[in-house]
Amino acid sequence: GPPRPPLHLEVNGVSLFDVRTDQQTWEKILRKVLSGQEHPGIKVSKTGFETLVKEKAESAKKIYVLEESGSDISQIQIDDNPVFVLGDQVGLPKKCEAFVLRYGEKISLGKKPYLAATCITILNYLMDRKETLQKR
C-alpha cells in the first residue's frame, strides 16, 4: 500500500531464458527487474491484489488457492490455463482469501506444509505431467 503500491511480478516460462534454478541467479534477476531493468519473460506492474485477481478470473476458468485445509489436488480435475494463489507461511490475509475465493476454490498439496517455492515446483511438475498425458 501507500506510499509504495503493490507490485505484480509475472514470470512467463515460454519467453523466459538465461536463468538457472539456483537462488543466487533468481536473486540477481529479481533485483534487476524490481529496480526497473528488463529481463526476458519477466514483467513487473503496479497492480493491486483484487485488480489482479479480477483480471486473471477473466482468462482462467478457475482460480485455485493453495491451502493445507483445501481439497486434495489429486482428487481435483484442474482446468486448462489455471491460476494458483499462494500465501506465505501464515497463509493469505483473511480479506484477500475471502476475495479470491469468490473466483475459485481451496486446494491442497497435502497436510504437510511446504515453502512456496516448493509448492511452485510441485505445481509445475503436476501441470507438465498433465500436459504430457494429454498428448498421448
N, C-alpha and C. Protein backbone atom coordinates (compact mmCIF):
# COMPACT_ATOMS: atom_id res chain seq x y z
N GLY A 1 0.82 -1.18 0.00
CA GLY A 1 0.00 0.00 0.00
C GLY A 1 0.86 1.25 0.00
N PRO A 2 0.24 2.40 0.21
CA PRO A 2 0.96 3.67 0.19
C PRO A 2 2.10 3.66 1.21
N PRO A 3 3.18 4.32 0.96
CA PRO A 3 3.45 5.17 -0.19
C PRO A 3 3.90 4.39 -1.42
N ARG A 4 4.14 3.09 -1.29
CA ARG A 4 4.57 2.27 -2.43
C ARG A 4 3.46 1.29 -2.76
N PRO A 5 2.85 1.42 -3.95
CA PRO A 5 1.77 0.49 -4.31
C PRO A 5 2.30 -0.92 -4.48
N PRO A 6 1.42 -1.92 -4.38
CA PRO A 6 1.87 -3.30 -4.55
C PRO A 6 2.38 -3.55 -5.96
N LEU A 7 3.28 -4.50 -6.07
CA LEU A 7 3.83 -4.87 -7.37
C LEU A 7 3.34 -6.26 -7.76
N HIS A 8 3.08 -6.41 -9.03
CA HIS A 8 2.72 -7.71 -9.58
C HIS A 8 3.89 -8.15 -10.45
N LEU A 9 4.44 -9.28 -10.14
CA LEU A 9 5.57 -9.83 -10.87
C LEU A 9 5.06 -11.04 -11.65
N GLU A 10 5.18 -11.00 -12.98
CA GLU A 10 4.70 -12.10 -13.81
C GLU A 10 5.88 -12.75 -14.52
N VAL A 11 5.99 -14.07 -14.36
CA VAL A 11 7.05 -14.83 -15.00
C VAL A 11 6.41 -15.72 -16.06
N ASN A 12 6.82 -15.52 -17.31
CA ASN A 12 6.30 -16.28 -18.44
C ASN A 12 7.36 -17.28 -18.87
N GLY A 13 7.14 -18.55 -18.55
CA GLY A 13 8.12 -19.59 -18.83
C GLY A 13 8.43 -19.78 -20.31
N VAL A 14 7.48 -19.42 -21.18
CA VAL A 14 7.70 -19.60 -22.62
C VAL A 14 8.79 -18.66 -23.12
N SER A 15 8.78 -17.41 -22.65
CA SER A 15 9.76 -16.43 -23.15
C SER A 15 10.92 -16.20 -22.18
N LEU A 16 10.92 -16.89 -21.06
CA LEU A 16 11.98 -16.76 -20.07
C LEU A 16 13.22 -17.52 -20.53
N PHE A 17 14.38 -16.88 -20.45
CA PHE A 17 15.62 -17.60 -20.73
C PHE A 17 16.76 -16.97 -19.95
N ASP A 18 17.92 -17.61 -20.03
CA ASP A 18 19.11 -17.16 -19.33
C ASP A 18 18.93 -17.21 -17.81
N VAL A 19 18.31 -18.30 -17.34
CA VAL A 19 18.15 -18.48 -15.89
C VAL A 19 18.50 -19.92 -15.52
N ARG A 20 19.02 -20.04 -14.33
CA ARG A 20 19.22 -21.35 -13.73
C ARG A 20 18.25 -21.42 -12.56
N THR A 21 18.20 -22.54 -11.93
CA THR A 21 17.23 -22.69 -10.84
C THR A 21 17.82 -22.38 -9.47
N ASP A 22 19.06 -21.92 -9.43
CA ASP A 22 19.66 -21.64 -8.12
C ASP A 22 19.18 -20.28 -7.58
N GLN A 23 19.23 -20.17 -6.28
CA GLN A 23 18.73 -18.98 -5.59
C GLN A 23 19.49 -17.71 -5.96
N GLN A 24 20.79 -17.80 -6.14
CA GLN A 24 21.59 -16.62 -6.44
C GLN A 24 21.21 -16.02 -7.80
N THR A 25 20.98 -16.86 -8.79
CA THR A 25 20.57 -16.37 -10.11
C THR A 25 19.25 -15.64 -10.01
N TRP A 26 18.28 -16.25 -9.33
CA TRP A 26 16.96 -15.61 -9.20
C TRP A 26 17.03 -14.32 -8.39
N GLU A 27 17.87 -14.31 -7.38
CA GLU A 27 18.02 -13.08 -6.60
C GLU A 27 18.51 -11.94 -7.49
N LYS A 28 19.51 -12.21 -8.33
CA LYS A 28 20.03 -11.19 -9.24
C LYS A 28 18.96 -10.72 -10.22
N ILE A 29 18.24 -11.68 -10.79
CA ILE A 29 17.20 -11.33 -11.76
C ILE A 29 16.10 -10.50 -11.11
N LEU A 30 15.65 -10.91 -9.93
CA LEU A 30 14.58 -10.17 -9.26
C LEU A 30 15.02 -8.78 -8.85
N ARG A 31 16.23 -8.65 -8.34
CA ARG A 31 16.74 -7.31 -8.02
C ARG A 31 16.78 -6.43 -9.26
N LYS A 32 17.19 -7.02 -10.37
CA LYS A 32 17.29 -6.30 -11.64
C LYS A 32 15.91 -5.79 -12.08
N VAL A 33 14.92 -6.67 -12.13
CA VAL A 33 13.60 -6.25 -12.62
C VAL A 33 12.89 -5.33 -11.63
N LEU A 34 13.12 -5.53 -10.34
CA LEU A 34 12.49 -4.65 -9.35
C LEU A 34 13.12 -3.27 -9.33
N SER A 35 14.33 -3.15 -9.88
CA SER A 35 14.97 -1.83 -9.96
C SER A 35 14.61 -1.11 -11.27
N GLY A 36 13.76 -1.75 -12.08
CA GLY A 36 13.29 -1.09 -13.30
C GLY A 36 13.92 -1.59 -14.58
N GLN A 37 14.89 -2.48 -14.48
CA GLN A 37 15.50 -3.04 -15.69
C GLN A 37 14.65 -4.20 -16.21
N GLU A 38 14.91 -4.61 -17.43
CA GLU A 38 14.13 -5.67 -18.04
C GLU A 38 14.88 -7.00 -18.05
N HIS A 39 14.11 -8.07 -18.07
CA HIS A 39 14.65 -9.42 -18.27
C HIS A 39 13.62 -10.19 -19.08
N PRO A 40 14.06 -10.92 -20.13
CA PRO A 40 13.10 -11.65 -20.97
C PRO A 40 12.23 -12.60 -20.15
N GLY A 41 10.93 -12.50 -20.34
CA GLY A 41 9.99 -13.40 -19.68
C GLY A 41 9.50 -12.92 -18.33
N ILE A 42 9.95 -11.75 -17.88
CA ILE A 42 9.52 -11.24 -16.57
C ILE A 42 9.00 -9.82 -16.74
N LYS A 43 7.78 -9.60 -16.23
CA LYS A 43 7.17 -8.27 -16.27
C LYS A 43 6.81 -7.85 -14.86
N VAL A 44 6.96 -6.57 -14.59
CA VAL A 44 6.57 -6.00 -13.31
C VAL A 44 5.54 -4.91 -13.58
N SER A 45 4.45 -4.92 -12.82
CA SER A 45 3.46 -3.86 -12.94
C SER A 45 2.95 -3.50 -11.55
N LYS A 46 2.38 -2.32 -11.44
CA LYS A 46 1.83 -1.86 -10.16
C LYS A 46 0.33 -2.17 -10.16
N THR A 47 0.03 -3.41 -9.83
CA THR A 47 -1.34 -3.90 -9.83
C THR A 47 -1.67 -4.42 -8.45
N GLY A 48 -2.78 -3.96 -7.89
CA GLY A 48 -3.22 -4.43 -6.60
C GLY A 48 -3.77 -5.85 -6.67
N PHE A 49 -3.86 -6.51 -5.54
CA PHE A 49 -4.28 -7.91 -5.47
C PHE A 49 -5.67 -8.12 -6.06
N GLU A 50 -6.64 -7.32 -5.65
CA GLU A 50 -8.01 -7.51 -6.13
C GLU A 50 -8.12 -7.28 -7.63
N THR A 51 -7.44 -6.27 -8.13
CA THR A 51 -7.45 -6.00 -9.57
C THR A 51 -6.84 -7.16 -10.33
N LEU A 52 -5.73 -7.67 -9.83
CA LEU A 52 -5.05 -8.80 -10.46
C LEU A 52 -5.95 -10.04 -10.48
N VAL A 53 -6.60 -10.33 -9.36
CA VAL A 53 -7.48 -11.49 -9.29
C VAL A 53 -8.62 -11.36 -10.30
N LYS A 54 -9.22 -10.18 -10.39
CA LYS A 54 -10.30 -9.96 -11.36
C LYS A 54 -9.81 -10.17 -12.78
N GLU A 55 -8.64 -9.64 -13.10
CA GLU A 55 -8.07 -9.82 -14.45
C GLU A 55 -7.83 -11.30 -14.75
N LYS A 56 -7.25 -12.00 -13.81
CA LYS A 56 -6.95 -13.42 -14.01
C LYS A 56 -8.23 -14.25 -14.10
N ALA A 57 -9.25 -13.87 -13.36
CA ALA A 57 -10.52 -14.59 -13.38
C ALA A 57 -11.19 -14.51 -14.75
N GLU A 58 -10.90 -13.47 -15.51
CA GLU A 58 -11.48 -13.33 -16.85
C GLU A 58 -10.88 -14.33 -17.82
N SER A 59 -9.60 -14.67 -17.65
CA SER A 59 -8.94 -15.57 -18.60
C SER A 59 -8.85 -17.01 -18.10
N ALA A 60 -8.98 -17.23 -16.82
CA ALA A 60 -8.88 -18.58 -16.25
C ALA A 60 -10.28 -19.10 -15.96
N LYS A 61 -10.46 -20.40 -16.16
CA LYS A 61 -11.75 -20.99 -15.82
C LYS A 61 -11.95 -20.99 -14.30
N LYS A 62 -10.85 -21.18 -13.60
CA LYS A 62 -10.93 -21.23 -12.14
C LYS A 62 -9.61 -20.79 -11.54
N ILE A 63 -9.70 -20.21 -10.36
CA ILE A 63 -8.52 -19.84 -9.59
C ILE A 63 -8.44 -20.79 -8.40
N TYR A 64 -7.25 -21.30 -8.17
CA TYR A 64 -7.04 -22.26 -7.09
C TYR A 64 -6.18 -21.62 -6.01
N VAL A 65 -6.66 -21.67 -4.78
CA VAL A 65 -5.94 -21.13 -3.64
C VAL A 65 -5.31 -22.30 -2.90
N LEU A 66 -3.98 -22.31 -2.81
CA LEU A 66 -3.32 -23.39 -2.10
C LEU A 66 -3.44 -23.17 -0.60
N GLU A 67 -3.98 -24.17 0.06
CA GLU A 67 -4.24 -24.11 1.50
C GLU A 67 -4.23 -25.54 2.00
N GLU A 68 -3.53 -25.80 3.09
CA GLU A 68 -3.43 -27.16 3.61
C GLU A 68 -4.79 -27.78 3.90
N SER A 69 -5.79 -26.96 4.20
CA SER A 69 -7.12 -27.48 4.51
C SER A 69 -8.01 -27.63 3.27
N GLY A 70 -7.47 -27.36 2.08
CA GLY A 70 -8.26 -27.45 0.85
C GLY A 70 -8.48 -28.88 0.39
N SER A 71 -9.23 -29.02 -0.70
CA SER A 71 -9.46 -30.34 -1.30
C SER A 71 -8.15 -30.86 -1.88
N ASP A 72 -7.91 -32.15 -1.73
CA ASP A 72 -6.67 -32.75 -2.22
C ASP A 72 -6.56 -32.57 -3.73
N ILE A 73 -5.44 -32.05 -4.19
CA ILE A 73 -5.25 -31.76 -5.61
C ILE A 73 -5.36 -33.02 -6.47
N SER A 74 -5.04 -34.18 -5.90
CA SER A 74 -5.13 -35.43 -6.67
C SER A 74 -6.58 -35.82 -6.95
N GLN A 75 -7.51 -35.22 -6.22
CA GLN A 75 -8.93 -35.52 -6.40
C GLN A 75 -9.65 -34.47 -7.24
N ILE A 76 -8.91 -33.48 -7.72
CA ILE A 76 -9.49 -32.35 -8.46
C ILE A 76 -9.06 -32.43 -9.92
N GLN A 77 -9.98 -32.15 -10.81
CA GLN A 77 -9.65 -32.02 -12.23
C GLN A 77 -9.27 -30.57 -12.45
N ILE A 78 -7.98 -30.29 -12.58
CA ILE A 78 -7.50 -28.92 -12.77
C ILE A 78 -7.84 -28.48 -14.19
N ASP A 79 -8.50 -27.34 -14.29
CA ASP A 79 -8.88 -26.79 -15.59
C ASP A 79 -7.65 -26.35 -16.38
N ASP A 80 -7.84 -26.15 -17.68
CA ASP A 80 -6.78 -25.60 -18.51
C ASP A 80 -6.55 -24.15 -18.11
N ASN A 81 -5.34 -23.68 -18.32
CA ASN A 81 -4.96 -22.30 -18.01
C ASN A 81 -5.27 -21.93 -16.56
N PRO A 82 -4.82 -22.75 -15.61
CA PRO A 82 -5.15 -22.48 -14.21
C PRO A 82 -4.35 -21.31 -13.64
N VAL A 83 -4.91 -20.71 -12.61
CA VAL A 83 -4.22 -19.68 -11.83
C VAL A 83 -4.15 -20.20 -10.40
N PHE A 84 -2.95 -20.19 -9.84
CA PHE A 84 -2.75 -20.63 -8.47
C PHE A 84 -2.36 -19.44 -7.61
N VAL A 85 -2.96 -19.34 -6.44
CA VAL A 85 -2.65 -18.27 -5.49
C VAL A 85 -2.06 -18.92 -4.25
N LEU A 86 -0.87 -18.45 -3.87
CA LEU A 86 -0.18 -18.98 -2.70
C LEU A 86 0.02 -17.87 -1.69
N GLY A 87 -0.10 -18.21 -0.43
CA GLY A 87 0.21 -17.26 0.63
C GLY A 87 1.62 -17.52 1.15
N ASP A 88 1.92 -16.89 2.26
CA ASP A 88 3.21 -17.14 2.91
C ASP A 88 3.01 -18.26 3.93
N GLN A 89 3.94 -18.39 4.88
CA GLN A 89 3.85 -19.47 5.86
C GLN A 89 2.62 -19.37 6.75
N VAL A 90 2.01 -18.18 6.84
CA VAL A 90 0.80 -17.99 7.64
C VAL A 90 -0.45 -18.18 6.78
N GLY A 91 -0.30 -18.03 5.48
CA GLY A 91 -1.44 -18.10 4.56
C GLY A 91 -1.78 -16.71 4.05
N LEU A 92 -2.85 -16.62 3.31
CA LEU A 92 -3.30 -15.32 2.80
C LEU A 92 -3.98 -14.54 3.92
N PRO A 93 -3.89 -13.21 3.88
CA PRO A 93 -4.69 -12.43 4.82
C PRO A 93 -6.17 -12.76 4.61
N LYS A 94 -6.96 -12.75 5.67
CA LYS A 94 -8.37 -13.17 5.62
C LYS A 94 -9.16 -12.45 4.55
N LYS A 95 -8.98 -11.12 4.44
CA LYS A 95 -9.73 -10.36 3.43
C LYS A 95 -9.35 -10.78 2.02
N CYS A 96 -8.06 -10.99 1.79
CA CYS A 96 -7.59 -11.42 0.46
C CYS A 96 -8.13 -12.81 0.13
N GLU A 97 -8.09 -13.70 1.11
CA GLU A 97 -8.58 -15.06 0.88
C GLU A 97 -10.07 -15.05 0.57
N ALA A 98 -10.84 -14.30 1.33
CA ALA A 98 -12.28 -14.22 1.08
C ALA A 98 -12.56 -13.68 -0.31
N PHE A 99 -11.79 -12.68 -0.74
CA PHE A 99 -12.00 -12.09 -2.06
C PHE A 99 -11.68 -13.10 -3.16
N VAL A 100 -10.52 -13.73 -3.10
CA VAL A 100 -10.12 -14.64 -4.18
C VAL A 100 -11.01 -15.87 -4.23
N LEU A 101 -11.56 -16.29 -3.11
CA LEU A 101 -12.42 -17.47 -3.12
C LEU A 101 -13.76 -17.22 -3.81
N ARG A 102 -14.08 -15.96 -4.09
CA ARG A 102 -15.26 -15.67 -4.92
C ARG A 102 -15.07 -16.22 -6.33
N TYR A 103 -13.82 -16.38 -6.73
CA TYR A 103 -13.47 -16.78 -8.09
C TYR A 103 -12.91 -18.19 -8.17
N GLY A 104 -12.79 -18.87 -7.05
CA GLY A 104 -12.15 -20.17 -7.11
C GLY A 104 -12.41 -21.02 -5.90
N GLU A 105 -11.48 -21.93 -5.66
CA GLU A 105 -11.63 -22.87 -4.56
C GLU A 105 -10.27 -23.17 -3.94
N LYS A 106 -10.33 -23.66 -2.69
CA LYS A 106 -9.11 -24.06 -1.99
C LYS A 106 -8.73 -25.48 -2.42
N ILE A 107 -7.44 -25.65 -2.71
CA ILE A 107 -6.91 -26.98 -2.96
C ILE A 107 -5.65 -27.16 -2.12
N SER A 108 -5.26 -28.41 -1.95
CA SER A 108 -4.14 -28.72 -1.07
C SER A 108 -3.17 -29.69 -1.74
N LEU A 109 -1.91 -29.52 -1.43
CA LEU A 109 -0.88 -30.48 -1.85
C LEU A 109 -0.69 -31.55 -0.78
N GLY A 110 -1.48 -31.48 0.27
CA GLY A 110 -1.41 -32.43 1.37
C GLY A 110 -1.38 -31.68 2.69
N LYS A 111 -1.37 -32.40 3.76
CA LYS A 111 -1.41 -31.79 5.10
C LYS A 111 -0.05 -31.26 5.54
N LYS A 112 1.00 -31.67 4.85
CA LYS A 112 2.34 -31.23 5.21
C LYS A 112 2.59 -29.83 4.65
N PRO A 113 3.09 -28.90 5.46
CA PRO A 113 3.39 -27.56 4.94
C PRO A 113 4.67 -27.56 4.10
N TYR A 114 4.64 -26.80 3.01
CA TYR A 114 5.80 -26.64 2.13
C TYR A 114 6.10 -25.16 1.95
N LEU A 115 7.34 -24.85 1.65
CA LEU A 115 7.69 -23.48 1.27
C LEU A 115 7.02 -23.18 -0.06
N ALA A 116 6.71 -21.90 -0.29
CA ALA A 116 6.04 -21.50 -1.53
C ALA A 116 6.82 -21.96 -2.76
N ALA A 117 8.15 -21.85 -2.70
CA ALA A 117 8.98 -22.26 -3.84
C ALA A 117 8.80 -23.75 -4.14
N THR A 118 8.68 -24.56 -3.10
CA THR A 118 8.47 -25.98 -3.29
C THR A 118 7.08 -26.24 -3.86
N CYS A 119 6.09 -25.50 -3.40
CA CYS A 119 4.73 -25.62 -3.95
C CYS A 119 4.72 -25.34 -5.44
N ILE A 120 5.45 -24.32 -5.85
CA ILE A 120 5.51 -23.96 -7.27
C ILE A 120 6.17 -25.09 -8.07
N THR A 121 7.22 -25.67 -7.52
CA THR A 121 7.89 -26.79 -8.19
C THR A 121 6.92 -27.96 -8.35
N ILE A 122 6.19 -28.28 -7.31
CA ILE A 122 5.23 -29.38 -7.36
C ILE A 122 4.13 -29.08 -8.38
N LEU A 123 3.60 -27.87 -8.36
CA LEU A 123 2.55 -27.49 -9.32
C LEU A 123 3.06 -27.56 -10.76
N ASN A 124 4.28 -27.09 -10.99
CA ASN A 124 4.86 -27.18 -12.33
C ASN A 124 4.97 -28.64 -12.77
N TYR A 125 5.42 -29.48 -11.88
CA TYR A 125 5.52 -30.91 -12.20
C TYR A 125 4.15 -31.48 -12.56
N LEU A 126 3.15 -31.19 -11.74
CA LEU A 126 1.81 -31.73 -11.98
C LEU A 126 1.22 -31.21 -13.29
N MET A 127 1.44 -29.94 -13.60
CA MET A 127 0.91 -29.37 -14.85
C MET A 127 1.66 -29.93 -16.06
N ASP A 128 2.98 -30.12 -15.94
CA ASP A 128 3.75 -30.73 -17.02
C ASP A 128 3.30 -32.17 -17.26
N ARG A 129 3.08 -32.88 -16.18
CA ARG A 129 2.62 -34.28 -16.28
C ARG A 129 1.25 -34.35 -16.94
N LYS A 130 0.36 -33.47 -16.55
CA LYS A 130 -0.98 -33.43 -17.15
C LYS A 130 -0.88 -33.18 -18.65
N GLU A 131 -0.04 -32.23 -19.03
CA GLU A 131 0.14 -31.90 -20.45
C GLU A 131 0.71 -33.09 -21.22
N THR A 132 1.68 -33.77 -20.64
CA THR A 132 2.29 -34.93 -21.28
C THR A 132 1.27 -36.05 -21.46
N LEU A 133 0.46 -36.30 -20.45
CA LEU A 133 -0.54 -37.37 -20.53
C LEU A 133 -1.62 -37.04 -21.55
N GLN A 134 -1.95 -35.76 -21.71
CA GLN A 134 -2.98 -35.36 -22.68
C GLN A 134 -2.49 -35.55 -24.11
N LYS A 135 -1.19 -35.49 -24.33
CA LYS A 135 -0.63 -35.64 -25.67
C LYS A 135 -0.59 -37.10 -26.13
N ARG A 136 -0.73 -38.01 -25.20
CA ARG A 136 -0.65 -39.45 -25.54
C ARG A 136 -1.90 -39.93 -26.22
